[in-house]
PDB file of N, CA and C in Angstrom:
ATOM      1  N   UNK A   1       0.850  -1.175   0.000  1.00  0.00           N
ATOM      2  CA  UNK A   1       0.000   0.000   0.000  1.00  0.00           C
ATOM      3  C   UNK A   1       0.895   1.239   0.000  1.00  0.00           C
ATOM      4  N   UNK A   2       0.508   2.201  -0.792  1.00  0.00           N
ATOM      5  CA  UNK A   2       1.261   3.454  -0.853  1.00  0.00           C
ATOM      6  C   UNK A   2       0.752   4.422   0.217  1.00  0.00           C
ATOM      7  N   UNK A   3       1.489   5.486   0.412  1.00  0.00           N
ATOM      8  CA  UNK A   3       1.076   6.531   1.354  1.00  0.00           C
ATOM      9  C   UNK A   3      -0.267   7.103   0.920  1.00  0.00           C
ATOM     10  N   UNK A   4      -0.414   7.357  -0.378  1.00  0.00           N
ATOM     11  CA  UNK A   4      -1.683   7.920  -0.853  1.00  0.00           C
ATOM     12  C   UNK A   4      -2.838   6.945  -0.658  1.00  0.00           C
ATOM     13  N   UNK A   5      -2.627   5.677  -0.912  1.00  0.00           N
ATOM     14  CA  UNK A   5      -3.686   4.686  -0.701  1.00  0.00           C
ATOM     15  C   UNK A   5      -4.093   4.641   0.773  1.00  0.00           C
ATOM     16  N   UNK A   6      -3.110   4.760   1.663  1.00  0.00           N
ATOM     17  CA  UNK A   6      -3.372   4.763   3.104  1.00  0.00           C
ATOM     18  C   UNK A   6      -4.298   5.922   3.469  1.00  0.00           C
ATOM     19  N   UNK A   7      -3.966   7.112   3.012  1.00  0.00           N
ATOM     20  CA  UNK A   7      -4.782   8.296   3.295  1.00  0.00           C
ATOM     21  C   UNK A   7      -6.149   8.170   2.622  1.00  0.00           C
ATOM     22  N   UNK A   8      -6.164   7.725   1.384  1.00  0.00           N
ATOM     23  CA  UNK A   8      -7.424   7.565   0.647  1.00  0.00           C
ATOM     24  C   UNK A   8      -8.355   6.588   1.359  1.00  0.00           C
ATOM     25  N   UNK A   9      -7.803   5.521   1.917  1.00  0.00           N
ATOM     26  CA  UNK A   9      -8.620   4.552   2.650  1.00  0.00           C
ATOM     27  C   UNK A   9      -9.254   5.178   3.888  1.00  0.00           C
ATOM     28  N   UNK A  10      -8.520   6.058   4.579  1.00  0.00           N
ATOM     29  CA  UNK A  10      -9.105   6.778   5.707  1.00  0.00           C
ATOM     30  C   UNK A  10     -10.263   7.651   5.227  1.00  0.00           C
ATOM     31  N   UNK A  11     -10.055   8.339   4.101  1.00  0.00           N
ATOM     32  CA  UNK A  11     -11.115   9.192   3.560  1.00  0.00           C
ATOM     33  C   UNK A  11     -12.344   8.366   3.158  1.00  0.00           C
ATOM     34  N   UNK A  12     -12.108   7.239   2.509  1.00  0.00           N
ATOM     35  CA  UNK A  12     -13.224   6.375   2.110  1.00  0.00           C
ATOM     36  C   UNK A  12     -13.965   5.833   3.324  1.00  0.00           C
ATOM     37  N   UNK A  13     -13.234   5.507   4.383  1.00  0.00           N
ATOM     38  CA  UNK A  13     -13.883   5.022   5.597  1.00  0.00           C
ATOM     39  C   UNK A  13     -14.754   6.110   6.217  1.00  0.00           C
ATOM     40  N   UNK A  14     -14.264   7.342   6.211  1.00  0.00           N
ATOM     41  CA  UNK A  14     -15.074   8.458   6.704  1.00  0.00           C
ATOM     42  C   UNK A  14     -16.366   8.570   5.896  1.00  0.00           C
ATOM     43  N   UNK A  15     -16.243   8.487   4.572  1.00  0.00           N
ATOM     44  CA  UNK A  15     -17.421   8.580   3.701  1.00  0.00           C
ATOM     45  C   UNK A  15     -18.392   7.418   3.947  1.00  0.00           C
ATOM     46  N   UNK A  16     -17.863   6.214   4.146  1.00  0.00           N
ATOM     47  CA  UNK A  16     -18.704   5.040   4.409  1.00  0.00           C
ATOM     48  C   UNK A  16     -19.470   5.192   5.723  1.00  0.00           C
ATOM     49  N   UNK A  17     -18.787   5.647   6.756  1.00  0.00           N
ATOM     50  CA  UNK A  17     -19.444   5.834   8.052  1.00  0.00           C
ATOM     51  C   UNK A  17     -20.509   6.919   7.945  1.00  0.00           C
ATOM     52  N   UNK A  18     -20.177   8.025   7.295  1.00  0.00           N
ATOM     53  CA  UNK A  18     -21.143   9.109   7.124  1.00  0.00           C
ATOM     54  C   UNK A  18     -22.383   8.610   6.384  1.00  0.00           C
ATOM     55  N   UNK A  19     -22.170   7.879   5.329  1.00  0.00           N
ATOM     56  CA  UNK A  19     -23.287   7.343   4.556  1.00  0.00           C
ATOM     57  C   UNK A  19     -24.159   6.424   5.412  1.00  0.00           C
ATOM     58  N   UNK A  20     -23.523   5.567   6.200  1.00  0.00           N
ATOM     59  CA  UNK A  20     -24.290   4.632   7.023  1.00  0.00           C
ATOM     60  C   UNK A  20     -25.083   5.350   8.112  1.00  0.00           C
ATOM     61  N   UNK A  21     -24.606   6.498   8.555  1.00  0.00           N
ATOM     62  CA  UNK A  21     -25.315   7.264   9.587  1.00  0.00           C
ATOM     63  C   UNK A  21     -26.643   7.811   9.087  1.00  0.00           C
ATOM     64  N   UNK A  22     -26.739   8.040   7.801  1.00  0.00           N
ATOM     65  CA  UNK A  22     -27.940   8.649   7.235  1.00  0.00           C
ATOM     66  C   UNK A  22     -28.701   7.698   6.322  1.00  0.00           C
ATOM     67  N   UNK A  23     -28.394   6.414   6.403  1.00  0.00           N
ATOM     68  CA  UNK A  23     -29.097   5.390   5.631  1.00  0.00           C
ATOM     69  C   UNK A  23     -30.253   4.868   6.472  1.00  0.00           C
ATOM     70  N   UNK A  24     -31.453   5.269   6.116  1.00  0.00           N
ATOM     71  CA  UNK A  24     -32.635   4.856   6.869  1.00  0.00           C
ATOM     72  C   UNK A  24     -33.389   3.724   6.162  1.00  0.00           C
ATOM     73  N   UNK A  25     -32.887   3.250   5.037  1.00  0.00           N
ATOM     74  CA  UNK A  25     -33.582   2.244   4.245  1.00  0.00           C
ATOM     75  C   UNK A  25     -32.986   0.851   4.378  1.00  0.00           C
ATOM     76  N   UNK A  26     -31.713   0.753   4.607  1.00  0.00           N
ATOM     77  CA  UNK A  26     -31.008  -0.527   4.598  1.00  0.00           C
ATOM     78  C   UNK A  26     -31.434  -1.410   5.761  1.00  0.00           C
ATOM     79  N   UNK A  27     -31.421  -2.708   5.534  1.00  0.00           N
ATOM     80  CA  UNK A  27     -31.713  -3.642   6.623  1.00  0.00           C
ATOM     81  C   UNK A  27     -30.543  -3.739   7.605  1.00  0.00           C
ATOM     82  N   UNK A  28     -29.395  -3.209   7.214  1.00  0.00           N
ATOM     83  CA  UNK A  28     -28.201  -3.223   8.059  1.00  0.00           C
ATOM     84  C   UNK A  28     -27.947  -1.841   8.650  1.00  0.00           C
ATOM     85  N   UNK A  29     -29.007  -1.168   9.066  1.00  0.00           N
ATOM     86  CA  UNK A  29     -28.886   0.177   9.621  1.00  0.00           C
ATOM     87  C   UNK A  29     -28.056   0.161  10.892  1.00  0.00           C
ATOM     88  N   UNK A  30     -27.413   1.285  11.146  1.00  0.00           N
ATOM     89  CA  UNK A  30     -26.590   1.411  12.347  1.00  0.00           C
ATOM     90  C   UNK A  30     -27.412   2.010  13.482  1.00  0.00           C
ATOM     91  N   UNK A  31     -26.891   1.925  14.690  1.00  0.00           N
ATOM     92  CA  UNK A  31     -27.531   2.543  15.845  1.00  0.00           C
ATOM     93  C   UNK A  31     -27.648   4.054  15.634  1.00  0.00           C
ATOM     94  N   UNK A  32     -26.594   4.650  15.091  1.00  0.00           N
ATOM     95  CA  UNK A  32     -26.614   6.090  14.831  1.00  0.00           C
ATOM     96  C   UNK A  32     -27.698   6.431  13.810  1.00  0.00           C
ATOM     97  N   UNK A  33     -27.812   5.636  12.773  1.00  0.00           N
ATOM     98  CA  UNK A  33     -28.839   5.867  11.760  1.00  0.00           C
ATOM     99  C   UNK A  33     -30.238   5.827  12.373  1.00  0.00           C
ATOM    100  N   UNK A  34     -30.464   4.862  13.226  1.00  0.00           N
ATOM    101  CA  UNK A  34     -31.774   4.749  13.881  1.00  0.00           C
ATOM    102  C   UNK A  34     -32.043   5.961  14.775  1.00  0.00           C
ATOM    103  N   UNK A  35     -31.012   6.424  15.483  1.00  0.00           N
ATOM    104  CA  UNK A  35     -31.187   7.598  16.349  1.00  0.00           C
ATOM    105  C   UNK A  35     -31.457   8.855  15.540  1.00  0.00           C
ATOM    106  N   UNK A  36     -30.755   9.009  14.429  1.00  0.00           N
ATOM    107  CA  UNK A  36     -30.988  10.174  13.570  1.00  0.00           C
ATOM    108  C   UNK A  36     -32.396  10.117  12.986  1.00  0.00           C
ATOM    109  N   UNK A  37     -32.810   8.961  12.538  1.00  0.00           N
ATOM    110  CA  UNK A  37     -34.165   8.824  12.002  1.00  0.00           C
ATOM    111  C   UNK A  37     -35.200   9.155  13.070  1.00  0.00           C
ATOM    112  N   UNK A  38     -34.922   8.775  14.318  1.00  0.00           N
ATOM    113  CA  UNK A  38     -35.833   9.037  15.425  1.00  0.00           C
ATOM    114  C   UNK A  38     -36.000  10.514  15.752  1.00  0.00           C
ATOM    115  N   UNK A  39     -35.101  11.343  15.251  1.00  0.00           N
ATOM    116  CA  UNK A  39     -35.222  12.786  15.469  1.00  0.00           C
ATOM    117  C   UNK A  39     -36.336  13.404  14.627  1.00  0.00           C
ATOM    118  N   UNK A  40     -36.798  12.677  13.606  1.00  0.00           N
ATOM    119  CA  UNK A  40     -37.870  13.154  12.726  1.00  0.00           C
ATOM    120  C   UNK A  40     -37.559  14.522  12.130  1.00  0.00           C
ATOM    121  N   UNK A  41     -36.356  14.653  11.614  1.00  0.00           N
ATOM    122  CA  UNK A  41     -35.935  15.918  11.007  1.00  0.00           C
ATOM    123  C   UNK A  41     -36.537  16.074   9.625  1.00  0.00           C
ATOM    124  N   UNK A  42     -36.798  17.309   9.242  1.00  0.00           N
ATOM    125  CA  UNK A  42     -37.218  17.532   7.864  1.00  0.00           C
ATOM    126  C   UNK A  42     -35.976  17.476   6.976  1.00  0.00           C
ATOM    127  N   UNK A  43     -36.160  17.590   5.687  1.00  0.00           N
ATOM    128  CA  UNK A  43     -35.059  17.439   4.731  1.00  0.00           C
ATOM    129  C   UNK A  43     -33.938  18.451   4.959  1.00  0.00           C
ATOM    130  N   UNK A  44     -34.283  19.693   5.228  1.00  0.00           N
ATOM    131  CA  UNK A  44     -33.291  20.749   5.450  1.00  0.00           C
ATOM    132  C   UNK A  44     -32.521  20.494   6.744  1.00  0.00           C
ATOM    133  N   UNK A  45     -33.239  20.156   7.821  1.00  0.00           N
ATOM    134  CA  UNK A  45     -32.584  19.862   9.091  1.00  0.00           C
ATOM    135  C   UNK A  45     -31.658  18.646   8.968  1.00  0.00           C
ATOM    136  N   UNK A  46     -32.129  17.639   8.254  1.00  0.00           N
ATOM    137  CA  UNK A  46     -31.320  16.428   8.058  1.00  0.00           C
ATOM    138  C   UNK A  46     -30.022  16.752   7.323  1.00  0.00           C
ATOM    139  N   UNK A  47     -30.115  17.603   6.302  1.00  0.00           N
ATOM    140  CA  UNK A  47     -28.920  17.988   5.541  1.00  0.00           C
ATOM    141  C   UNK A  47     -27.960  18.810   6.403  1.00  0.00           C
ATOM    142  N   UNK A  48     -28.506  19.691   7.239  1.00  0.00           N
ATOM    143  CA  UNK A  48     -27.657  20.469   8.147  1.00  0.00           C
ATOM    144  C   UNK A  48     -26.933  19.556   9.133  1.00  0.00           C
ATOM    145  N   UNK A  49     -27.655  18.585   9.680  1.00  0.00           N
ATOM    146  CA  UNK A  49     -27.032  17.642  10.610  1.00  0.00           C
ATOM    147  C   UNK A  49     -25.969  16.813   9.901  1.00  0.00           C
ATOM    148  N   UNK A  50     -26.260  16.392   8.682  1.00  0.00           N
ATOM    149  CA  UNK A  50     -25.287  15.609   7.915  1.00  0.00           C
ATOM    150  C   UNK A  50     -24.000  16.417   7.686  1.00  0.00           C
ATOM    151  N   UNK A  51     -24.131  17.693   7.389  1.00  0.00           N
ATOM    152  CA  UNK A  51     -22.955  18.555   7.199  1.00  0.00           C
ATOM    153  C   UNK A  51     -22.154  18.709   8.492  1.00  0.00           C
ATOM    154  N   UNK A  52     -22.850  18.833   9.616  1.00  0.00           N
ATOM    155  CA  UNK A  52     -22.168  18.947  10.906  1.00  0.00           C
ATOM    156  C   UNK A  52     -21.420  17.655  11.222  1.00  0.00           C
ATOM    157  N   UNK A  53     -22.069  16.520  11.046  1.00  0.00           N
ATOM    158  CA  UNK A  53     -21.440  15.223  11.317  1.00  0.00           C
ATOM    159  C   UNK A  53     -20.252  15.016  10.380  1.00  0.00           C
ATOM    160  N   UNK A  54     -20.404  15.385   9.121  1.00  0.00           N
ATOM    161  CA  UNK A  54     -19.315  15.260   8.159  1.00  0.00           C
ATOM    162  C   UNK A  54     -18.116  16.102   8.591  1.00  0.00           C
ATOM    163  N   UNK A  55     -18.365  17.340   9.011  1.00  0.00           N
ATOM    164  CA  UNK A  55     -17.276  18.211   9.464  1.00  0.00           C
ATOM    165  C   UNK A  55     -16.595  17.637  10.706  1.00  0.00           C
ATOM    166  N   UNK A  56     -17.374  17.106  11.624  1.00  0.00           N
ATOM    167  CA  UNK A  56     -16.816  16.493  12.830  1.00  0.00           C
ATOM    168  C   UNK A  56     -15.931  15.297  12.473  1.00  0.00           C
ATOM    169  N   UNK A  57     -16.409  14.465  11.567  1.00  0.00           N
ATOM    170  CA  UNK A  57     -15.635  13.295  11.158  1.00  0.00           C
ATOM    171  C   UNK A  57     -14.385  13.703  10.391  1.00  0.00           C
ATOM    172  N   UNK A  58     -14.486  14.735   9.568  1.00  0.00           N
ATOM    173  CA  UNK A  58     -13.303  15.239   8.866  1.00  0.00           C
ATOM    174  C   UNK A  58     -12.249  15.678   9.873  1.00  0.00           C
ATOM    175  N   UNK A  59     -12.674  16.449  10.873  1.00  0.00           N
ATOM    176  CA  UNK A  59     -11.730  16.900  11.901  1.00  0.00           C
ATOM    177  C   UNK A  59     -11.082  15.712  12.605  1.00  0.00           C
ATOM    178  N   UNK A  60     -11.878  14.705  12.945  1.00  0.00           N
ATOM    179  CA  UNK A  60     -11.354  13.549  13.683  1.00  0.00           C
ATOM    180  C   UNK A  60     -10.369  12.740  12.837  1.00  0.00           C
ATOM    181  N   UNK A  61     -10.771  12.360  11.631  1.00  0.00           N
ATOM    182  CA  UNK A  61      -9.896  11.556  10.771  1.00  0.00           C
ATOM    183  C   UNK A  61      -8.629  12.330  10.398  1.00  0.00           C
ATOM    184  N   UNK A  62      -8.787  13.588  10.057  1.00  0.00           N
ATOM    185  CA  UNK A  62      -7.646  14.424   9.673  1.00  0.00           C
ATOM    186  C   UNK A  62      -6.660  14.548  10.834  1.00  0.00           C
ATOM    187  N   UNK A  63      -7.181  14.757  12.039  1.00  0.00           N
ATOM    188  CA  UNK A  63      -6.324  14.884  13.218  1.00  0.00           C
ATOM    189  C   UNK A  63      -5.591  13.584  13.517  1.00  0.00           C
ATOM    190  N   UNK A  64      -6.255  12.450  13.363  1.00  0.00           N
ATOM    191  CA  UNK A  64      -5.581  11.162  13.571  1.00  0.00           C
ATOM    192  C   UNK A  64      -4.439  11.000  12.582  1.00  0.00           C
ATOM    193  N   UNK A  65      -4.695  11.297  11.308  1.00  0.00           N
ATOM    194  CA  UNK A  65      -3.634  11.179  10.308  1.00  0.00           C
ATOM    195  C   UNK A  65      -2.479  12.129  10.608  1.00  0.00           C
ATOM    196  N   UNK A  66      -2.776  13.356  10.992  1.00  0.00           N
ATOM    197  CA  UNK A  66      -1.706  14.290  11.336  1.00  0.00           C
ATOM    198  C   UNK A  66      -0.965  13.855  12.589  1.00  0.00           C
ATOM    199  N   UNK A  67      -1.690  13.245  13.521  1.00  0.00           N
ATOM    200  CA  UNK A  67      -1.050  12.716  14.717  1.00  0.00           C
ATOM    201  C   UNK A  67      -0.080  11.599  14.386  1.00  0.00           C
ATOM    202  N   UNK A  68      -0.465  10.708  13.493  1.00  0.00           N
ATOM    203  CA  UNK A  68       0.430   9.632  13.063  1.00  0.00           C
ATOM    204  C   UNK A  68       1.628  10.190  12.310  1.00  0.00           C
ATOM    205  N   UNK A  69       1.417  11.288  11.635  1.00  0.00           N
ATOM    206  CA  UNK A  69       2.456  11.920  10.822  1.00  0.00           C
ATOM    207  C   UNK A  69       3.453  12.717  11.662  1.00  0.00           C
ATOM    208  N   UNK A  70       3.054  13.029  12.900  1.00  0.00           N
ATOM    209  CA  UNK A  70       3.904  13.859  13.741  1.00  0.00           C
ATOM    210  C   UNK A  70       3.608  15.337  13.609  1.00  0.00           C
ATOM    211  N   UNK A  71       2.568  15.674  12.865  1.00  0.00           N
ATOM    212  CA  UNK A  71       2.213  17.070  12.623  1.00  0.00           C
ATOM    213  C   UNK A  71       1.207  17.604  13.632  1.00  0.00           C
ATOM    214  N   UNK A  72       0.663  16.730  14.476  1.00  0.00           N
ATOM    215  CA  UNK A  72      -0.304  17.125  15.501  1.00  0.00           C
ATOM    216  C   UNK A  72      -0.149  16.166  16.680  1.00  0.00           C
ATOM    217  N   UNK A  73      -0.651  16.594  17.818  1.00  0.00           N
ATOM    218  CA  UNK A  73      -0.577  15.756  19.006  1.00  0.00           C
ATOM    219  C   UNK A  73      -1.698  14.719  18.990  1.00  0.00           C
ATOM    220  N   UNK A  74      -1.400  13.587  19.575  1.00  0.00           N
ATOM    221  CA  UNK A  74      -2.416  12.594  19.909  1.00  0.00           C
ATOM    222  C   UNK A  74      -2.456  12.593  21.432  1.00  0.00           C
ATOM    223  N   UNK A  75      -3.526  13.141  21.985  1.00  0.00           N
ATOM    224  CA  UNK A  75      -3.569  13.342  23.431  1.00  0.00           C
ATOM    225  C   UNK A  75      -2.544  14.376  23.826  1.00  0.00           C
ATOM    226  N   UNK A  76      -1.671  13.999  24.751  1.00  0.00           N
ATOM    227  CA  UNK A  76      -0.651  14.930  25.228  1.00  0.00           C
ATOM    228  C   UNK A  76       0.708  14.698  24.582  1.00  0.00           C
ATOM    229  N   UNK A  77       0.761  13.829  23.576  1.00  0.00           N
ATOM    230  CA  UNK A  77       2.047  13.461  22.978  1.00  0.00           C
ATOM    231  C   UNK A  77       2.068  13.790  21.492  1.00  0.00           C
ATOM    232  N   UNK A  78       3.166  14.335  21.045  1.00  0.00           N
ATOM    233  CA  UNK A  78       3.347  14.590  19.624  1.00  0.00           C
ATOM    234  C   UNK A  78       4.669  13.988  19.186  1.00  0.00           C
ATOM    235  N   UNK A  79       4.587  12.987  18.326  1.00  0.00           N
ATOM    236  CA  UNK A  79       5.781  12.353  17.784  1.00  0.00           C
ATOM    237  C   UNK A  79       5.435  11.721  16.443  1.00  0.00           C
ATOM    238  N   UNK A  80       6.452  11.447  15.658  1.00  0.00           N
ATOM    239  CA  UNK A  80       6.252  10.811  14.360  1.00  0.00           C
ATOM    240  C   UNK A  80       6.204   9.302  14.528  1.00  0.00           C
ATOM    241  N   UNK A  81       5.408   8.674  13.692  1.00  0.00           N
ATOM    242  CA  UNK A  81       5.312   7.226  13.684  1.00  0.00           C
ATOM    243  C   UNK A  81       5.671   6.712  12.303  1.00  0.00           C
ATOM    244  N   UNK A  82       6.364   5.596  12.255  1.00  0.00           N
ATOM    245  CA  UNK A  82       6.581   4.896  10.999  1.00  0.00           C
ATOM    246  C   UNK A  82       5.446   3.898  10.863  1.00  0.00           C
ATOM    247  N   UNK A  83       4.849   3.851   9.681  1.00  0.00           N
ATOM    248  CA  UNK A  83       3.712   2.971   9.438  1.00  0.00           C
ATOM    249  C   UNK A  83       4.106   1.956   8.377  1.00  0.00           C
ATOM    250  N   UNK A  84       3.909   0.681   8.705  1.00  0.00           N
ATOM    251  CA  UNK A  84       4.235  -0.420   7.805  1.00  0.00           C
ATOM    252  C   UNK A  84       2.970  -1.214   7.499  1.00  0.00           C
ATOM    253  N   UNK A  85       2.891  -1.795   6.297  1.00  0.00           N
ATOM    254  CA  UNK A  85       1.781  -2.677   5.993  1.00  0.00           C
ATOM    255  C   UNK A  85       2.083  -4.067   6.547  1.00  0.00           C
ATOM    256  N   UNK A  86       1.175  -5.005   6.339  1.00  0.00           N
ATOM    257  CA  UNK A  86       1.339  -6.350   6.904  1.00  0.00           C
ATOM    258  C   UNK A  86       2.506  -7.116   6.290  1.00  0.00           C
ATOM    259  N   UNK A  87       2.992  -6.663   5.155  1.00  0.00           N
ATOM    260  CA  UNK A  87       4.158  -7.293   4.526  1.00  0.00           C
ATOM    261  C   UNK A  87       5.455  -6.577   4.882  1.00  0.00           C
ATOM    262  N   UNK A  88       5.369  -5.693   5.880  1.00  0.00           N
ATOM    263  CA  UNK A  88       6.511  -4.949   6.389  1.00  0.00           C
ATOM    264  C   UNK A  88       7.074  -3.941   5.380  1.00  0.00           C
ATOM    265  N   UNK A  89       6.205  -3.488   4.459  1.00  0.00           N
ATOM    266  CA  UNK A  89       6.601  -2.421   3.531  1.00  0.00           C
ATOM    267  C   UNK A  89       6.256  -1.081   4.174  1.00  0.00           C
ATOM    268  N   UNK A  90       7.185  -0.160   4.118  1.00  0.00           N
ATOM    269  CA  UNK A  90       6.997   1.155   4.722  1.00  0.00           C
ATOM    270  C   UNK A  90       5.935   1.947   3.954  1.00  0.00           C
ATOM    271  N   UNK A  91       4.910   2.386   4.683  1.00  0.00           N
ATOM    272  CA  UNK A  91       3.855   3.218   4.100  1.00  0.00           C
ATOM    273  C   UNK A  91       4.189   4.687   4.334  1.00  0.00           C
ATOM    274  N   UNK A  92       4.609   4.985   5.559  1.00  0.00           N
ATOM    275  CA  UNK A  92       4.931   6.369   5.904  1.00  0.00           C
ATOM    276  C   UNK A  92       6.048   6.391   6.926  1.00  0.00           C
ATOM    277  N   UNK A  93       6.984   7.284   6.702  1.00  0.00           N
ATOM    278  CA  UNK A  93       8.124   7.435   7.592  1.00  0.00           C
ATOM    279  C   UNK A  93       7.905   8.572   8.580  1.00  0.00           C
ATOM    280  N   UNK A  94       6.773   9.209   8.504  1.00  0.00           N
ATOM    281  CA  UNK A  94       6.500  10.399   9.304  1.00  0.00           C
ATOM    282  C   UNK A  94       6.764  11.620   8.447  1.00  0.00           C
ATOM    283  N   UNK A  95       5.792  12.510   8.408  1.00  0.00           N
ATOM    284  CA  UNK A  95       5.921  13.697   7.577  1.00  0.00           C
ATOM    285  C   UNK A  95       5.384  13.511   6.177  1.00  0.00           C
ATOM    286  N   UNK A  96       4.882  12.294   5.874  1.00  0.00           N
ATOM    287  CA  UNK A  96       4.404  11.994   4.520  1.00  0.00           C
ATOM    288  C   UNK A  96       2.888  12.145   4.362  1.00  0.00           C
ATOM    289  N   UNK A  97       2.153  12.179   5.458  1.00  0.00           N
ATOM    290  CA  UNK A  97       0.696  12.107   5.390  1.00  0.00           C
ATOM    291  C   UNK A  97       0.000  13.463   5.322  1.00  0.00           C
ATOM    292  N   UNK A  98       0.610  14.480   5.895  1.00  0.00           N
ATOM    293  CA  UNK A  98      -0.072  15.765   6.066  1.00  0.00           C
ATOM    294  C   UNK A  98      -0.602  16.348   4.759  1.00  0.00           C
ATOM    295  N   UNK A  99       0.227  16.430   3.736  1.00  0.00           N
ATOM    296  CA  UNK A  99      -0.200  17.021   2.468  1.00  0.00           C
ATOM    297  C   UNK A  99      -1.326  16.239   1.803  1.00  0.00           C
ATOM    298  N   UNK A 100      -1.181  14.926   1.782  1.00  0.00           N
ATOM    299  CA  UNK A 100      -2.224  14.090   1.177  1.00  0.00           C
ATOM    300  C   UNK A 100      -3.510  14.150   1.988  1.00  0.00           C
ATOM    301  N   UNK A 101      -3.383  14.152   3.312  1.00  0.00           N
ATOM    302  CA  UNK A 101      -4.576  14.240   4.160  1.00  0.00           C
ATOM    303  C   UNK A 101      -5.317  15.541   3.890  1.00  0.00           C
ATOM    304  N   UNK A 102      -4.586  16.620   3.729  1.00  0.00           N
ATOM    305  CA  UNK A 102      -5.220  17.904   3.429  1.00  0.00           C
ATOM    306  C   UNK A 102      -5.965  17.827   2.094  1.00  0.00           C
ATOM    307  N   UNK A 103      -5.316  17.257   1.089  1.00  0.00           N
ATOM    308  CA  UNK A 103      -5.963  17.135  -0.225  1.00  0.00           C
ATOM    309  C   UNK A 103      -7.260  16.337  -0.159  1.00  0.00           C
ATOM    310  N   UNK A 104      -7.246  15.209   0.551  1.00  0.00           N
ATOM    311  CA  UNK A 104      -8.426  14.364   0.601  1.00  0.00           C
ATOM    312  C   UNK A 104      -9.523  14.953   1.500  1.00  0.00           C
ATOM    313  N   UNK A 105      -9.144  15.459   2.660  1.00  0.00           N
ATOM    314  CA  UNK A 105     -10.163  15.878   3.624  1.00  0.00           C
ATOM    315  C   UNK A 105     -10.584  17.334   3.505  1.00  0.00           C
ATOM    316  N   UNK A 106      -9.754  18.177   2.913  1.00  0.00           N
ATOM    317  CA  UNK A 106     -10.115  19.595   2.826  1.00  0.00           C
ATOM    318  C   UNK A 106     -10.259  20.097   1.394  1.00  0.00           C
ATOM    319  N   UNK A 107      -9.717  19.371   0.446  1.00  0.00           N
ATOM    320  CA  UNK A 107      -9.883  19.761  -0.947  1.00  0.00           C
ATOM    321  C   UNK A 107     -10.742  18.766  -1.711  1.00  0.00           C
ATOM    322  N   UNK A 108     -11.260  17.762  -1.000  1.00  0.00           N
ATOM    323  CA  UNK A 108     -12.142  16.733  -1.576  1.00  0.00           C
ATOM    324  C   UNK A 108     -11.576  16.120  -2.835  1.00  0.00           C
ATOM    325  N   UNK A 109     -10.324  15.664  -2.742  1.00  0.00           N
ATOM    326  CA  UNK A 109      -9.630  15.078  -3.885  1.00  0.00           C
ATOM    327  C   UNK A 109     -10.426  13.931  -4.488  1.00  0.00           C
TER     328      UNK A 109
END
């Protein structure tokens, strides 16, 4: 896996979770989806909530990636991490994720 694939997978996971939160039709609905549906929001309110949840998830995923990169703290600690795939191939040496994370999460690459 490349550094870009690693970041892209985080972005896709964010999109998948967001989608599942607002899926009220699927038989595999999530607890969050059921709670949101229970709010009985109109279409405009639902879209506003979806935008808020999306922004919250963007902040969370982006911060985790920057934390792994050494560009932000995770809790009270800030350090770089080397990330390897299951075949022991280096994905990130630290300092490689920030630019790609910005492109995916803030420029909607």
